N, C-alpha and C. Protein backbone atom coordinates (compact mmCIF):
# COMPACT_ATOMS: atom_id res chain seq x y z
N MET A 1 -20.92 -3.56 -6.82
CA MET A 1 -19.86 -2.75 -6.20
C MET A 1 -20.02 -1.45 -7.00
N GLU A 2 -20.00 -0.31 -6.44
CA GLU A 2 -20.10 0.93 -6.89
C GLU A 2 -18.66 1.49 -7.30
N PHE A 3 -18.03 1.19 -8.34
CA PHE A 3 -16.74 1.38 -8.71
C PHE A 3 -16.49 3.01 -8.61
N SER A 4 -17.36 3.77 -9.41
CA SER A 4 -17.31 5.05 -9.60
C SER A 4 -17.04 6.05 -8.31
N ARG A 5 -17.71 5.73 -7.25
CA ARG A 5 -17.88 6.26 -5.94
C ARG A 5 -16.71 5.75 -5.14
N ASP A 6 -16.21 4.45 -5.20
CA ASP A 6 -14.94 4.00 -4.57
C ASP A 6 -13.88 4.75 -5.12
N LEU A 7 -13.79 4.84 -6.46
CA LEU A 7 -12.90 5.51 -7.20
C LEU A 7 -12.55 7.13 -6.68
N GLU A 8 -13.77 7.81 -6.51
CA GLU A 8 -13.84 9.23 -6.25
C GLU A 8 -13.34 9.16 -4.96
N ILE A 9 -13.57 8.14 -3.85
CA ILE A 9 -12.96 8.48 -2.46
C ILE A 9 -11.62 7.98 -2.48
N ILE A 10 -11.15 7.27 -3.14
CA ILE A 10 -9.54 6.98 -3.34
C ILE A 10 -8.78 8.04 -3.93
N ALA A 11 -9.33 8.89 -4.96
CA ALA A 11 -8.79 9.86 -5.72
C ALA A 11 -8.78 11.02 -4.48
N LEU A 12 -9.76 11.29 -3.66
CA LEU A 12 -9.83 12.15 -2.67
C LEU A 12 -8.70 11.82 -1.76
N GLN A 13 -8.67 10.68 -1.23
CA GLN A 13 -7.36 10.24 -0.16
C GLN A 13 -6.20 10.51 -0.91
N GLU A 14 -5.97 9.99 -2.15
CA GLU A 14 -4.70 10.45 -2.86
C GLU A 14 -4.31 11.95 -2.86
N ARG A 15 -5.26 12.59 -3.04
CA ARG A 15 -4.97 14.05 -3.12
C ARG A 15 -4.59 14.43 -1.42
N GLU A 16 -5.29 14.19 -0.72
CA GLU A 16 -5.55 14.97 0.62
C GLU A 16 -4.49 13.97 1.67
N LEU A 17 -4.25 12.96 1.69
CA LEU A 17 -3.59 12.26 2.56
C LEU A 17 -1.92 12.05 2.11
N ARG A 18 -1.30 13.13 2.23
CA ARG A 18 0.25 13.30 1.78
C ARG A 18 1.01 13.77 2.97
N PHE A 19 2.24 13.57 2.83
CA PHE A 19 3.15 13.95 3.88
C PHE A 19 3.75 15.37 3.67
N ARG A 20 3.72 16.21 4.54
CA ARG A 20 4.53 17.51 4.33
C ARG A 20 6.02 17.55 3.92
N SER A 21 6.32 16.41 4.50
CA SER A 21 7.98 15.85 4.14
C SER A 21 7.99 14.45 4.54
N PHE A 22 8.93 13.78 3.67
CA PHE A 22 9.13 12.46 3.94
C PHE A 22 10.53 11.98 3.63
N ASN A 23 11.13 11.33 4.75
CA ASN A 23 12.56 10.78 4.96
C ASN A 23 12.51 9.68 5.34
N ALA A 24 13.76 8.95 5.60
CA ALA A 24 13.95 7.65 6.23
C ALA A 24 13.32 7.82 7.51
N ASP A 25 13.67 8.88 8.20
CA ASP A 25 13.30 8.78 9.79
C ASP A 25 11.61 8.93 9.79
N VAL A 26 11.12 9.49 9.08
CA VAL A 26 9.48 9.34 8.80
C VAL A 26 8.99 8.21 8.51
N ALA A 27 9.81 7.53 7.54
CA ALA A 27 9.31 6.26 7.21
C ALA A 27 9.41 5.25 8.21
N TRP A 28 10.47 5.27 9.05
CA TRP A 28 10.74 4.62 10.07
C TRP A 28 9.63 4.58 11.37
N GLN A 29 9.33 5.88 11.50
CA GLN A 29 8.34 5.92 12.63
C GLN A 29 7.02 5.62 12.10
N LEU A 30 6.83 5.57 10.67
CA LEU A 30 5.44 5.28 10.25
C LEU A 30 5.36 3.96 10.41
N GLY A 31 6.23 3.21 9.94
CA GLY A 31 6.32 1.75 9.96
C GLY A 31 6.27 1.13 11.35
N LEU A 32 7.15 1.61 12.50
CA LEU A 32 6.91 1.40 13.81
C LEU A 32 5.26 1.44 14.44
N ARG A 33 4.88 2.55 14.20
CA ARG A 33 3.60 2.95 14.31
C ARG A 33 2.59 1.96 13.67
N LEU A 34 2.69 1.61 12.52
CA LEU A 34 1.55 0.48 11.68
C LEU A 34 2.19 -0.82 12.33
N ARG A 35 3.23 -1.01 12.81
CA ARG A 35 3.51 -2.44 13.43
C ARG A 35 2.77 -2.32 14.87
N GLU A 36 3.05 -1.40 15.71
CA GLU A 36 2.50 -1.45 16.84
C GLU A 36 0.81 -1.57 16.81
N LEU A 37 0.25 -0.92 15.85
CA LEU A 37 -1.28 -1.15 15.81
C LEU A 37 -1.57 -2.55 15.24
N ALA A 38 -0.71 -3.01 14.30
CA ALA A 38 -0.99 -4.31 13.73
C ALA A 38 -0.71 -5.41 15.09
N VAL A 39 0.11 -5.40 15.81
CA VAL A 39 0.24 -6.09 16.85
C VAL A 39 -0.81 -6.01 17.93
N ALA A 40 -1.25 -4.95 18.34
CA ALA A 40 -2.17 -4.78 19.10
C ALA A 40 -3.39 -5.31 18.60
N ARG A 41 -3.79 -5.36 17.29
CA ARG A 41 -4.99 -6.17 16.86
C ARG A 41 -4.89 -7.32 16.54
N ASN A 42 -3.70 -7.97 16.84
CA ASN A 42 -3.27 -9.36 16.30
C ASN A 42 -3.39 -9.74 14.94
N ALA A 43 -3.02 -8.53 14.22
CA ALA A 43 -3.06 -8.92 12.51
C ALA A 43 -1.98 -9.35 12.11
N SER A 44 -2.35 -10.02 10.91
CA SER A 44 -1.11 -10.78 10.17
C SER A 44 -0.96 -9.86 8.84
N VAL A 45 -0.01 -8.99 9.04
CA VAL A 45 0.30 -8.12 7.91
C VAL A 45 1.78 -7.97 7.70
N VAL A 46 1.94 -7.72 6.36
CA VAL A 46 3.19 -7.32 6.09
C VAL A 46 3.24 -5.75 5.85
N ILE A 47 4.37 -5.14 6.35
CA ILE A 47 4.25 -3.48 6.53
C ILE A 47 5.82 -3.31 5.42
N ASP A 48 5.55 -2.44 4.49
CA ASP A 48 6.72 -2.29 3.50
C ASP A 48 6.50 -0.74 3.42
N VAL A 49 7.42 0.20 3.62
CA VAL A 49 7.68 1.39 3.51
C VAL A 49 8.74 1.75 2.70
N ARG A 50 8.56 2.33 1.66
CA ARG A 50 9.52 2.63 0.58
C ARG A 50 9.64 3.82 -0.22
N ARG A 51 10.68 4.28 -0.88
CA ARG A 51 10.58 5.72 -1.31
C ARG A 51 11.44 5.19 -2.55
N PHE A 52 10.92 5.52 -3.79
CA PHE A 52 11.41 5.35 -5.19
C PHE A 52 12.23 3.96 -5.20
N GLY A 53 11.58 2.95 -4.71
CA GLY A 53 12.18 1.54 -4.90
C GLY A 53 13.01 1.21 -3.60
N GLN A 54 13.55 2.28 -2.72
CA GLN A 54 14.40 1.99 -1.68
C GLN A 54 13.63 1.38 -0.33
N PRO A 55 13.93 0.28 0.07
CA PRO A 55 13.14 -0.04 1.33
C PRO A 55 13.68 0.88 2.50
N LEU A 56 12.71 1.37 3.15
CA LEU A 56 13.16 2.18 4.47
C LEU A 56 12.62 1.55 5.71
N PHE A 57 11.54 0.56 5.64
CA PHE A 57 11.01 -0.20 6.73
C PHE A 57 10.31 -1.39 6.39
N TYR A 58 10.42 -2.48 6.86
CA TYR A 58 9.78 -3.69 6.47
C TYR A 58 9.71 -4.53 7.65
N ALA A 59 8.39 -5.19 7.69
CA ALA A 59 8.00 -5.93 8.77
C ALA A 59 6.95 -7.23 8.34
N ALA A 60 7.15 -8.21 8.79
CA ALA A 60 6.27 -9.46 8.67
C ALA A 60 5.91 -9.78 9.93
N LEU A 61 4.67 -9.68 10.14
CA LEU A 61 4.10 -10.30 11.30
C LEU A 61 3.82 -11.70 11.34
N GLY A 62 3.69 -12.36 12.29
CA GLY A 62 3.16 -13.81 12.27
C GLY A 62 1.86 -14.11 11.69
N GLY A 63 1.91 -15.06 11.01
CA GLY A 63 0.48 -15.40 10.20
C GLY A 63 0.70 -15.07 8.66
N THR A 64 1.96 -14.42 8.37
CA THR A 64 2.13 -14.14 7.03
C THR A 64 3.07 -15.27 6.30
N SER A 65 2.85 -15.24 5.06
CA SER A 65 3.69 -16.36 4.37
C SER A 65 4.92 -15.78 3.62
N PRO A 66 5.85 -16.49 3.41
CA PRO A 66 7.19 -16.16 2.57
C PRO A 66 6.68 -15.49 1.22
N ASP A 67 5.67 -15.73 0.56
CA ASP A 67 4.98 -15.24 -0.63
C ASP A 67 4.54 -13.82 -0.45
N ASN A 68 4.33 -13.15 0.80
CA ASN A 68 3.88 -11.95 1.10
C ASN A 68 4.84 -10.77 0.72
N CYS A 69 6.09 -11.23 0.64
CA CYS A 69 7.20 -10.25 0.23
C CYS A 69 7.20 -9.99 -1.11
N GLU A 70 6.88 -10.98 -1.97
CA GLU A 70 6.79 -10.96 -3.41
C GLU A 70 5.56 -10.30 -3.71
N TRP A 71 4.42 -10.36 -3.06
CA TRP A 71 3.06 -9.94 -3.26
C TRP A 71 3.20 -8.47 -3.17
N VAL A 72 3.70 -7.89 -2.01
CA VAL A 72 4.03 -6.68 -1.62
C VAL A 72 4.90 -5.83 -2.68
N ARG A 73 5.67 -6.34 -3.29
CA ARG A 73 6.71 -5.81 -4.10
C ARG A 73 5.83 -5.62 -5.63
N ARG A 74 4.91 -6.57 -5.97
CA ARG A 74 4.49 -6.38 -7.06
C ARG A 74 3.37 -5.29 -6.94
N LYS A 75 2.69 -5.08 -5.66
CA LYS A 75 1.85 -3.91 -5.25
C LYS A 75 2.70 -2.81 -5.72
N GLY A 76 3.72 -2.69 -5.01
CA GLY A 76 4.77 -1.31 -5.02
C GLY A 76 5.03 -1.08 -6.71
N ASN A 77 5.09 -2.26 -7.32
CA ASN A 77 5.25 -1.92 -9.05
C ASN A 77 4.20 -1.25 -9.51
N VAL A 78 3.02 -1.59 -9.06
CA VAL A 78 1.89 -1.03 -9.79
C VAL A 78 1.67 0.63 -9.43
N VAL A 79 2.01 0.78 -8.23
CA VAL A 79 2.08 2.14 -7.71
C VAL A 79 2.93 2.87 -8.27
N ALA A 80 4.15 2.47 -8.50
CA ALA A 80 5.37 3.07 -9.04
C ALA A 80 4.99 3.29 -10.50
N ARG A 81 4.31 2.51 -11.05
CA ARG A 81 3.95 2.67 -12.85
C ARG A 81 2.91 3.45 -13.01
N PHE A 82 1.82 3.39 -12.15
CA PHE A 82 0.75 4.10 -12.45
C PHE A 82 0.62 5.65 -11.62
N HIS A 83 1.36 5.69 -10.71
CA HIS A 83 1.38 6.79 -9.71
C HIS A 83 -0.26 6.96 -9.07
N ARG A 84 -0.90 5.75 -8.73
CA ARG A 84 -2.02 5.60 -8.19
C ARG A 84 -2.04 4.40 -7.06
N SER A 85 -2.94 4.28 -6.19
CA SER A 85 -2.86 3.06 -5.41
C SER A 85 -3.14 1.82 -6.10
N SER A 86 -2.79 0.76 -5.69
CA SER A 86 -3.00 -0.45 -6.40
C SER A 86 -4.44 -0.98 -6.46
N TYR A 87 -5.16 -0.39 -5.27
CA TYR A 87 -6.46 -0.78 -5.18
C TYR A 87 -7.29 -0.01 -6.09
N ALA A 88 -6.99 1.37 -6.63
CA ALA A 88 -7.44 2.12 -7.25
C ALA A 88 -7.28 1.55 -8.86
N VAL A 89 -6.07 1.00 -9.07
CA VAL A 89 -5.72 0.55 -10.50
C VAL A 89 -6.68 -0.74 -10.61
N GLY A 90 -6.61 -1.57 -9.45
CA GLY A 90 -7.53 -2.76 -9.66
C GLY A 90 -8.84 -2.36 -9.92
N LEU A 91 -9.47 -1.36 -9.33
CA LEU A 91 -10.99 -0.81 -9.55
C LEU A 91 -11.22 -0.44 -10.77
N MET A 92 -10.22 0.28 -11.46
CA MET A 92 -10.45 0.58 -12.69
C MET A 92 -10.45 -0.45 -13.66
N LEU A 93 -9.74 -1.38 -13.60
CA LEU A 93 -9.71 -2.63 -14.40
C LEU A 93 -10.81 -3.33 -14.23
N GLN A 94 -11.33 -3.51 -13.00
CA GLN A 94 -12.70 -4.18 -12.75
C GLN A 94 -13.84 -3.56 -13.63
N GLN A 95 -13.84 -2.14 -13.48
CA GLN A 95 -14.86 -1.31 -14.05
C GLN A 95 -14.73 -1.58 -15.56
N LYS A 96 -13.49 -1.65 -16.09
CA LYS A 96 -13.38 -1.71 -17.55
C LYS A 96 -13.49 -3.16 -18.02
N LYS A 97 -13.82 -4.31 -16.95
CA LYS A 97 -13.80 -5.50 -17.30
C LYS A 97 -12.41 -6.01 -17.88
N ARG A 98 -11.37 -5.47 -17.44
CA ARG A 98 -10.17 -6.04 -18.07
C ARG A 98 -9.34 -6.81 -17.14
N ASN A 99 -8.51 -7.46 -17.36
CA ASN A 99 -7.70 -8.52 -16.47
C ASN A 99 -6.18 -7.77 -16.20
N PRO A 100 -5.83 -7.75 -15.04
CA PRO A 100 -4.68 -6.87 -14.73
C PRO A 100 -3.35 -7.68 -15.41
N ILE A 101 -3.57 -8.97 -15.70
CA ILE A 101 -2.39 -9.73 -16.32
C ILE A 101 -2.27 -9.75 -17.75
């Protein structure tokens, strides 16, 4: 895997893909749209939209497990701690051959 290239792409996305404004209504609309897309694709996903730890939208579709709530909470903690996507943090750790635990 080309860590550097993926990290560059993620950094670009983190800079460019931002909301002009974000509030509870935007979060709800985003969550609904993501849920519609997931249902249309028959995807087993958990959707968790939050702001500064405040839950604004949550949905767990069929095929998910009770542990997915905890999993998404941990991913959110990584984002809150490092101000980066959890995927980017994971790639950086892999690149440095470090364990996240």
